[in-house]
Amino acid sequence: VQLQAFGGGVVQAGGSLTLSCAASTPTFHSAAMGWFRQAPGKEREVIAMHTWSVGRTMYADSVKGRFTLSRVNAQNAVSLQMNRLKPDDTAVYYCAAKTYSKSTYNYWGQGTLVTVSS
């Protein structure tokens, strides 16, 4: 199973962008899916995580109120709507999934670059 993330690009500060992520296998069912990002020179950080059984999404404080994770299809595809983007949001964004037998995210997409110009 592979996760395919796309939708990155260059956007001006204050603009919006939507990222999408889907598993290559339609029958793949995750326990949770999330979005992470890694800015140049910084460690990877989690920005949004959704656990299907709980039905709740956790957001990092840095994106709360601006970013929205949405379920696209069953438990194998999500999107990330990003509004009011800031230059600090510039990073490579990764989607990830966690299967029921794992305590950590064990499937990762290839990453998609988001650049926010000032």
N, C-alpha and C. Protein backbone atom coordinates (compact mmCIF):
# COMPACT_ATOMS: atom_id res chain seq x y z
N VAL A 1 0.85 -1.19 0.00
CA VAL A 1 0.00 0.00 0.00
C VAL A 1 0.88 1.23 0.00
N GLN A 2 0.54 2.17 -0.85
CA GLN A 2 1.25 3.45 -0.88
C GLN A 2 0.25 4.59 -0.67
N LEU A 3 0.72 5.62 -0.02
CA LEU A 3 -0.09 6.82 0.13
C LEU A 3 0.40 7.84 -0.90
N GLN A 4 -0.54 8.41 -1.62
CA GLN A 4 -0.19 9.37 -2.66
C GLN A 4 -0.75 10.73 -2.26
N ALA A 5 0.17 11.65 -2.04
CA ALA A 5 -0.22 13.01 -1.65
C ALA A 5 0.06 13.96 -2.80
N PHE A 6 -0.86 14.89 -3.03
CA PHE A 6 -0.66 15.86 -4.09
C PHE A 6 -1.45 17.12 -3.77
N GLY A 7 -1.14 18.16 -4.52
CA GLY A 7 -1.84 19.42 -4.33
C GLY A 7 -0.97 20.56 -3.88
N GLY A 8 0.31 20.30 -3.62
CA GLY A 8 1.20 21.37 -3.20
C GLY A 8 1.47 22.36 -4.31
N GLY A 9 2.07 23.47 -3.95
CA GLY A 9 2.39 24.48 -4.94
C GLY A 9 2.82 25.77 -4.27
N VAL A 10 2.83 26.83 -5.05
CA VAL A 10 3.22 28.14 -4.55
C VAL A 10 1.98 29.00 -4.43
N VAL A 11 1.85 29.65 -3.29
CA VAL A 11 0.68 30.49 -3.05
C VAL A 11 1.13 31.73 -2.28
N GLN A 12 0.44 32.82 -2.48
CA GLN A 12 0.77 34.03 -1.74
C GLN A 12 0.20 33.98 -0.32
N ALA A 13 0.85 34.68 0.57
CA ALA A 13 0.37 34.76 1.94
C ALA A 13 -1.08 35.24 1.96
N GLY A 14 -1.88 34.58 2.79
CA GLY A 14 -3.29 34.90 2.86
C GLY A 14 -4.14 34.04 1.95
N GLY A 15 -3.50 33.31 1.05
CA GLY A 15 -4.22 32.47 0.11
C GLY A 15 -4.58 31.11 0.69
N SER A 16 -5.14 30.27 -0.18
CA SER A 16 -5.59 28.94 0.23
C SER A 16 -5.05 27.87 -0.70
N LEU A 17 -4.99 26.66 -0.18
CA LEU A 17 -4.51 25.52 -0.95
C LEU A 17 -5.14 24.27 -0.34
N THR A 18 -5.43 23.30 -1.17
CA THR A 18 -5.98 22.04 -0.68
C THR A 18 -5.06 20.89 -1.06
N LEU A 19 -4.67 20.11 -0.09
CA LEU A 19 -3.88 18.92 -0.32
C LEU A 19 -4.78 17.70 -0.25
N SER A 20 -4.44 16.69 -1.02
CA SER A 20 -5.20 15.45 -1.02
C SER A 20 -4.27 14.27 -0.81
N CYS A 21 -4.81 13.22 -0.23
CA CYS A 21 -4.02 12.02 0.04
C CYS A 21 -4.93 10.81 -0.08
N ALA A 22 -4.46 9.81 -0.80
CA ALA A 22 -5.26 8.61 -0.97
C ALA A 22 -4.35 7.38 -0.97
N ALA A 23 -4.87 6.30 -0.45
CA ALA A 23 -4.14 5.04 -0.49
C ALA A 23 -4.27 4.42 -1.88
N SER A 24 -3.20 3.76 -2.30
CA SER A 24 -3.19 3.16 -3.63
C SER A 24 -4.11 1.96 -3.74
N THR A 25 -4.46 1.38 -2.59
CA THR A 25 -5.33 0.21 -2.57
C THR A 25 -6.68 0.60 -1.99
N PRO A 26 -7.75 0.50 -2.75
CA PRO A 26 -9.08 0.93 -2.27
C PRO A 26 -9.55 0.17 -1.05
N THR A 27 -9.07 -1.03 -0.86
CA THR A 27 -9.53 -1.84 0.26
C THR A 27 -8.75 -1.56 1.54
N PHE A 28 -7.78 -0.66 1.46
CA PHE A 28 -7.00 -0.32 2.64
C PHE A 28 -7.85 0.46 3.62
N HIS A 29 -7.87 0.01 4.86
CA HIS A 29 -8.63 0.71 5.91
C HIS A 29 -7.68 1.06 7.04
N SER A 30 -7.56 2.32 7.31
CA SER A 30 -6.66 2.76 8.36
C SER A 30 -7.44 2.98 9.66
N ALA A 31 -6.70 3.01 10.75
CA ALA A 31 -7.29 3.37 12.04
C ALA A 31 -7.27 4.89 12.22
N ALA A 32 -6.30 5.52 11.57
CA ALA A 32 -6.17 6.97 11.68
C ALA A 32 -5.38 7.48 10.50
N MET A 33 -5.62 8.72 10.13
CA MET A 33 -4.83 9.37 9.09
C MET A 33 -4.49 10.78 9.55
N GLY A 34 -3.38 11.27 9.07
CA GLY A 34 -2.96 12.59 9.51
C GLY A 34 -2.07 13.27 8.51
N TRP A 35 -1.80 14.53 8.81
CA TRP A 35 -0.90 15.33 8.01
C TRP A 35 0.25 15.83 8.90
N PHE A 36 1.44 15.76 8.35
CA PHE A 36 2.64 16.25 9.02
C PHE A 36 3.33 17.21 8.07
N ARG A 37 4.25 17.99 8.59
CA ARG A 37 5.04 18.85 7.71
C ARG A 37 6.45 19.00 8.27
N GLN A 38 7.35 19.30 7.36
CA GLN A 38 8.75 19.54 7.75
C GLN A 38 9.26 20.75 7.00
N ALA A 39 9.54 21.79 7.75
CA ALA A 39 10.09 23.01 7.16
C ALA A 39 11.61 22.88 7.07
N PRO A 40 12.24 23.64 6.19
CA PRO A 40 13.71 23.57 6.05
C PRO A 40 14.41 23.81 7.38
N GLY A 41 15.29 22.91 7.74
CA GLY A 41 16.06 23.06 8.96
C GLY A 41 15.32 22.75 10.24
N LYS A 42 14.09 22.26 10.11
CA LYS A 42 13.29 21.95 11.30
C LYS A 42 12.89 20.49 11.30
N GLU A 43 12.47 20.03 12.47
CA GLU A 43 12.00 18.66 12.59
C GLU A 43 10.57 18.54 12.05
N ARG A 44 10.22 17.34 11.69
CA ARG A 44 8.86 17.09 11.23
C ARG A 44 7.90 17.27 12.39
N GLU A 45 6.77 17.89 12.11
CA GLU A 45 5.77 18.11 13.14
C GLU A 45 4.41 17.65 12.64
N VAL A 46 3.59 17.20 13.57
CA VAL A 46 2.24 16.82 13.23
C VAL A 46 1.37 18.07 13.22
N ILE A 47 0.48 18.18 12.24
CA ILE A 47 -0.40 19.33 12.19
C ILE A 47 -1.87 18.94 12.29
N ALA A 48 -2.22 17.74 11.89
CA ALA A 48 -3.61 17.30 12.01
C ALA A 48 -3.67 15.78 12.00
N MET A 49 -4.48 15.24 12.92
CA MET A 49 -4.62 13.78 13.00
C MET A 49 -6.08 13.46 13.25
N HIS A 50 -6.59 12.47 12.53
CA HIS A 50 -7.98 12.05 12.71
C HIS A 50 -8.03 10.55 12.98
N THR A 51 -8.68 10.20 14.07
CA THR A 51 -8.89 8.79 14.40
C THR A 51 -10.33 8.45 14.08
N TRP A 52 -10.53 7.47 13.24
CA TRP A 52 -11.87 7.18 12.71
C TRP A 52 -12.82 6.74 13.81
N SER A 53 -12.36 5.90 14.71
CA SER A 53 -13.25 5.38 15.75
C SER A 53 -13.70 6.47 16.71
N VAL A 54 -12.85 7.46 16.92
CA VAL A 54 -13.19 8.55 17.83
C VAL A 54 -14.00 9.61 17.10
N GLY A 55 -13.71 9.76 15.81
CA GLY A 55 -14.43 10.74 15.01
C GLY A 55 -14.04 12.16 15.33
N ARG A 56 -12.79 12.33 15.74
CA ARG A 56 -12.35 13.66 16.13
C ARG A 56 -10.98 13.94 15.52
N THR A 57 -10.76 15.19 15.16
CA THR A 57 -9.49 15.60 14.58
C THR A 57 -8.74 16.49 15.56
N MET A 58 -7.49 16.20 15.73
CA MET A 58 -6.61 17.03 16.56
C MET A 58 -5.79 17.91 15.64
N TYR A 59 -5.69 19.20 15.97
CA TYR A 59 -4.90 20.14 15.19
C TYR A 59 -3.79 20.74 16.05
N ALA A 60 -2.67 20.99 15.42
CA ALA A 60 -1.61 21.73 16.10
C ALA A 60 -2.07 23.16 16.29
N ASP A 61 -1.60 23.79 17.35
CA ASP A 61 -1.99 25.16 17.64
C ASP A 61 -1.65 26.10 16.49
N SER A 62 -0.57 25.82 15.80
CA SER A 62 -0.10 26.70 14.73
C SER A 62 -1.05 26.75 13.54
N VAL A 63 -1.93 25.74 13.40
CA VAL A 63 -2.82 25.71 12.24
C VAL A 63 -4.29 25.71 12.63
N LYS A 64 -4.56 25.63 13.91
CA LYS A 64 -5.95 25.55 14.39
C LYS A 64 -6.74 26.76 13.91
N GLY A 65 -7.91 26.51 13.36
CA GLY A 65 -8.75 27.58 12.85
C GLY A 65 -8.46 27.97 11.41
N ARG A 66 -7.34 27.50 10.88
CA ARG A 66 -6.98 27.82 9.49
C ARG A 66 -7.00 26.59 8.60
N PHE A 67 -6.63 25.43 9.15
CA PHE A 67 -6.56 24.20 8.38
C PHE A 67 -7.70 23.28 8.79
N THR A 68 -8.20 22.51 7.82
CA THR A 68 -9.27 21.56 8.09
C THR A 68 -8.98 20.23 7.40
N LEU A 69 -8.92 19.18 8.20
CA LEU A 69 -8.75 17.83 7.64
C LEU A 69 -10.14 17.26 7.40
N SER A 70 -10.35 16.70 6.22
CA SER A 70 -11.65 16.13 5.88
C SER A 70 -11.48 14.71 5.34
N ARG A 71 -12.45 13.90 5.64
CA ARG A 71 -12.48 12.55 5.10
C ARG A 71 -13.00 12.61 3.67
N VAL A 72 -12.32 11.93 2.78
CA VAL A 72 -12.72 11.94 1.38
C VAL A 72 -13.44 10.66 1.01
N ASN A 73 -12.88 9.54 1.47
CA ASN A 73 -13.45 8.26 1.06
C ASN A 73 -13.12 7.19 2.09
N ALA A 74 -14.14 6.58 2.63
CA ALA A 74 -13.98 5.48 3.60
C ALA A 74 -12.90 5.85 4.61
N GLN A 75 -11.91 4.99 4.75
CA GLN A 75 -10.85 5.27 5.71
C GLN A 75 -9.50 5.22 5.02
N ASN A 76 -9.48 5.64 3.73
CA ASN A 76 -8.22 5.57 3.03
C ASN A 76 -7.91 6.83 2.23
N ALA A 77 -8.65 7.91 2.45
CA ALA A 77 -8.37 9.14 1.74
C ALA A 77 -8.81 10.34 2.55
N VAL A 78 -7.94 11.34 2.61
CA VAL A 78 -8.25 12.57 3.34
C VAL A 78 -7.76 13.77 2.54
N SER A 79 -8.27 14.92 2.90
CA SER A 79 -7.78 16.16 2.31
C SER A 79 -7.41 17.11 3.44
N LEU A 80 -6.68 18.15 3.09
CA LEU A 80 -6.30 19.18 4.05
C LEU A 80 -6.55 20.52 3.39
N GLN A 81 -7.58 21.21 3.83
CA GLN A 81 -7.87 22.54 3.34
C GLN A 81 -7.09 23.53 4.16
N MET A 82 -6.26 24.32 3.51
CA MET A 82 -5.39 25.28 4.20
C MET A 82 -5.79 26.69 3.79
N ASN A 83 -6.23 27.46 4.75
CA ASN A 83 -6.65 28.84 4.51
C ASN A 83 -5.74 29.82 5.25
N ARG A 84 -5.79 31.06 4.83
CA ARG A 84 -5.00 32.13 5.46
C ARG A 84 -3.56 31.69 5.66
N LEU A 85 -2.98 31.20 4.59
CA LEU A 85 -1.62 30.68 4.66
C LEU A 85 -0.62 31.77 4.98
N LYS A 86 0.42 31.37 5.71
CA LYS A 86 1.48 32.28 6.13
C LYS A 86 2.81 31.77 5.60
N PRO A 87 3.80 32.63 5.46
CA PRO A 87 5.13 32.16 5.03
C PRO A 87 5.67 31.05 5.94
N ASP A 88 5.33 31.08 7.22
CA ASP A 88 5.78 30.03 8.15
C ASP A 88 5.17 28.67 7.83
N ASP A 89 4.16 28.64 6.99
CA ASP A 89 3.55 27.36 6.61
C ASP A 89 4.35 26.67 5.50
N THR A 90 5.35 27.34 4.97
CA THR A 90 6.18 26.75 3.93
C THR A 90 6.87 25.50 4.46
N ALA A 91 6.65 24.37 3.77
CA ALA A 91 7.20 23.10 4.23
C ALA A 91 6.85 22.01 3.22
N VAL A 92 7.46 20.87 3.43
CA VAL A 92 7.02 19.67 2.71
C VAL A 92 5.95 19.00 3.59
N TYR A 93 4.80 18.77 3.00
CA TYR A 93 3.68 18.20 3.73
C TYR A 93 3.56 16.71 3.41
N TYR A 94 3.39 15.91 4.45
CA TYR A 94 3.28 14.47 4.31
C TYR A 94 1.95 14.00 4.88
N CYS A 95 1.32 13.08 4.17
CA CYS A 95 0.18 12.42 4.78
C CYS A 95 0.65 11.07 5.31
N ALA A 96 -0.04 10.57 6.30
CA ALA A 96 0.36 9.32 6.92
C ALA A 96 -0.88 8.58 7.41
N ALA A 97 -0.72 7.30 7.57
CA ALA A 97 -1.83 6.47 8.05
C ALA A 97 -1.30 5.48 9.08
N LYS A 98 -2.19 5.14 9.98
CA LYS A 98 -1.84 4.17 11.02
C LYS A 98 -2.85 3.03 10.96
N THR A 99 -2.33 1.82 10.90
CA THR A 99 -3.22 0.67 10.89
C THR A 99 -3.56 0.24 12.32
N TYR A 100 -4.56 -0.61 12.42
CA TYR A 100 -5.09 -0.96 13.74
C TYR A 100 -4.06 -1.67 14.62
N SER A 101 -3.12 -2.34 14.03
CA SER A 101 -2.17 -3.12 14.82
C SER A 101 -0.98 -2.29 15.29
N LYS A 102 -0.92 -1.03 14.89
CA LYS A 102 0.23 -0.20 15.19
C LYS A 102 -0.14 0.96 16.12
N SER A 103 0.85 1.37 16.92
CA SER A 103 0.63 2.51 17.80
C SER A 103 1.16 3.80 17.20
N THR A 104 1.94 3.67 16.12
CA THR A 104 2.47 4.86 15.45
C THR A 104 2.10 4.80 13.98
N TYR A 105 2.23 5.93 13.30
CA TYR A 105 1.92 5.98 11.88
C TYR A 105 2.94 5.13 11.11
N ASN A 106 2.44 4.18 10.35
CA ASN A 106 3.33 3.23 9.68
C ASN A 106 3.25 3.28 8.16
N TYR A 107 2.42 4.14 7.60
CA TYR A 107 2.40 4.36 6.16
C TYR A 107 2.56 5.86 5.90
N TRP A 108 3.45 6.19 4.96
CA TRP A 108 3.75 7.59 4.69
C TRP A 108 3.70 7.88 3.19
N GLY A 109 3.16 9.05 2.87
CA GLY A 109 3.20 9.50 1.49
C GLY A 109 4.55 10.09 1.16
N GLN A 110 4.73 10.46 -0.09
CA GLN A 110 6.03 10.92 -0.57
C GLN A 110 6.30 12.38 -0.24
N GLY A 111 5.31 13.12 0.20
CA GLY A 111 5.51 14.52 0.52
C GLY A 111 5.20 15.41 -0.67
N THR A 112 4.61 16.55 -0.36
CA THR A 112 4.32 17.54 -1.40
C THR A 112 4.69 18.91 -0.86
N LEU A 113 5.38 19.70 -1.67
CA LEU A 113 5.94 20.97 -1.22
C LEU A 113 4.91 22.09 -1.31
N VAL A 114 4.77 22.82 -0.21
CA VAL A 114 3.94 24.01 -0.17
C VAL A 114 4.85 25.21 0.11
N THR A 115 4.80 26.18 -0.76
CA THR A 115 5.61 27.39 -0.59
C THR A 115 4.67 28.59 -0.51
N VAL A 116 4.78 29.33 0.58
CA VAL A 116 3.94 30.50 0.77
C VAL A 116 4.83 31.73 0.67
N SER A 117 4.56 32.54 -0.32
CA SER A 117 5.38 33.74 -0.54
C SER A 117 4.77 34.93 0.19
N SER A 118 5.65 35.80 0.66
CA SER A 118 5.18 36.98 1.41
C SER A 118 4.90 38.15 0.49
